[in-house]
Amino acid sequence: MTQFEIAQQQVKEKQLQAPKVMTEGKQIDYFGYQLAVHHFNLKLMAKGMACRGIKFTDIKKYYGLKGKSAADCLGQFEEIFNNYKQNLNN
């Protein structure tokens, strides 16, 4: 299991409390927010830009991505992101 999957499982089992994320006065899903931010960062990294505060290797390790560059891993990440959105809607 990846660190992302472990964190989700721990929140479900109430072993870990996810931070609250608010937008427009409403609470939104923390993991969905996290995925959206990392997706944005990874797309920038795939274009050759650096992101302040996070490294490609951190994202790669957290989600269990395989590849040498952000461009190599972007497709894998988008698959994880889309699967999460599908499971959230079901």
Protein backbone atom coordinates (compact mmCIF):
# COMPACT_ATOMS: atom_id res chain seq x y z
CA MET A 1 0.00 0.00 0.00
CA THR A 2 1.13 3.53 -0.71
CA GLN A 3 1.34 6.24 1.93
CA PHE A 4 -1.77 7.83 0.37
CA GLU A 5 -3.77 4.60 0.71
CA ILE A 6 -2.54 4.07 4.27
CA ALA A 7 -3.61 7.61 5.25
CA GLN A 8 -7.07 7.06 3.76
CA GLN A 9 -7.45 3.77 5.61
CA GLN A 10 -6.33 5.31 8.90
CA VAL A 11 -8.91 8.09 8.55
CA LYS A 12 -11.65 5.54 7.83
CA GLU A 13 -10.64 3.51 10.89
CA LYS A 14 -10.48 6.71 12.99
CA GLN A 15 -6.78 6.16 13.76
CA LEU A 16 -5.93 9.47 12.10
CA GLN A 17 -7.89 12.69 11.84
CA ALA A 18 -7.69 14.45 8.49
CA PRO A 19 -7.36 18.23 8.62
CA LYS A 20 -10.48 20.24 7.84
CA VAL A 21 -10.41 22.11 4.56
CA MET A 22 -12.92 24.92 4.09
CA THR A 23 -13.92 26.73 0.93
CA GLU A 24 -16.75 29.20 0.58
CA GLY A 25 -17.83 28.38 4.12
CA LYS A 26 -18.23 24.65 3.41
CA GLN A 27 -16.00 21.79 4.42
CA ILE A 28 -14.58 19.82 1.50
CA ASP A 29 -12.93 16.41 1.32
CA TYR A 30 -9.31 16.64 2.47
CA PHE A 31 -7.97 13.91 0.21
CA GLY A 32 -9.74 15.36 -2.82
CA TYR A 33 -8.19 18.74 -2.04
CA GLN A 34 -4.79 17.15 -1.59
CA LEU A 35 -5.08 15.32 -4.91
CA ALA A 36 -6.12 18.51 -6.71
CA VAL A 37 -3.16 20.47 -5.33
CA HIS A 38 -0.68 17.70 -6.11
CA HIS A 39 -2.16 17.34 -9.61
CA PHE A 40 -1.58 21.04 -10.21
CA ASN A 41 1.99 20.79 -8.88
CA LEU A 42 2.77 17.68 -10.92
CA LYS A 43 1.49 19.28 -14.13
CA LEU A 44 3.79 22.25 -13.53
CA MET A 45 6.71 19.94 -12.80
CA ALA A 46 5.99 17.98 -16.01
CA LYS A 47 6.38 21.27 -17.93
CA GLY A 48 9.79 21.81 -16.28
CA MET A 49 8.78 24.29 -13.59
CA ALA A 50 9.69 23.94 -9.93
CA CYS A 51 7.15 24.24 -7.13
CA ARG A 52 7.94 25.87 -3.86
CA GLY A 53 7.38 23.75 -0.76
CA ILE A 54 7.11 20.33 -2.44
CA LYS A 55 9.49 18.12 -4.36
CA PHE A 56 8.71 15.67 -7.14
CA THR A 57 10.24 12.83 -5.13
CA ASP A 58 7.82 13.56 -2.25
CA ILE A 59 4.79 13.23 -4.54
CA LYS A 60 6.27 10.19 -6.25
CA LYS A 61 6.88 8.37 -2.97
CA TYR A 62 3.53 9.34 -1.39
CA TYR A 63 1.47 7.98 -4.29
CA GLY A 64 3.81 5.13 -5.28
CA LEU A 65 4.47 6.48 -8.78
CA LYS A 66 7.05 4.89 -11.07
CA GLY A 67 9.18 6.89 -13.48
CA LYS A 68 12.15 9.22 -13.67
CA SER A 69 10.36 12.47 -14.43
CA ALA A 70 7.13 14.22 -13.60
CA ALA A 71 6.02 13.80 -17.21
CA ASP A 72 6.50 10.02 -16.87
CA CYS A 73 4.40 9.91 -13.70
CA LEU A 74 1.63 12.32 -14.67
CA GLY A 75 -0.49 9.65 -16.40
CA GLN A 76 -0.24 7.33 -13.40
CA PHE A 77 -1.21 10.15 -11.07
CA GLU A 78 -4.21 11.13 -13.21
CA GLU A 79 -5.39 7.51 -13.04
CA ILE A 80 -5.22 7.63 -9.22
CA PHE A 81 -7.02 10.99 -9.23
CA ASN A 82 -9.81 9.75 -11.55
CA ASN A 83 -10.27 6.53 -9.53
CA TYR A 84 -10.58 8.56 -6.34
CA LYS A 85 -13.20 10.85 -7.90
CA GLN A 86 -15.18 7.82 -9.15
CA ASN A 87 -15.10 6.14 -5.74
CA LEU A 88 -16.12 9.37 -4.05
CA ASN A 89 -19.19 9.69 -6.26
CA ASN A 90 -20.27 6.07 -5.67
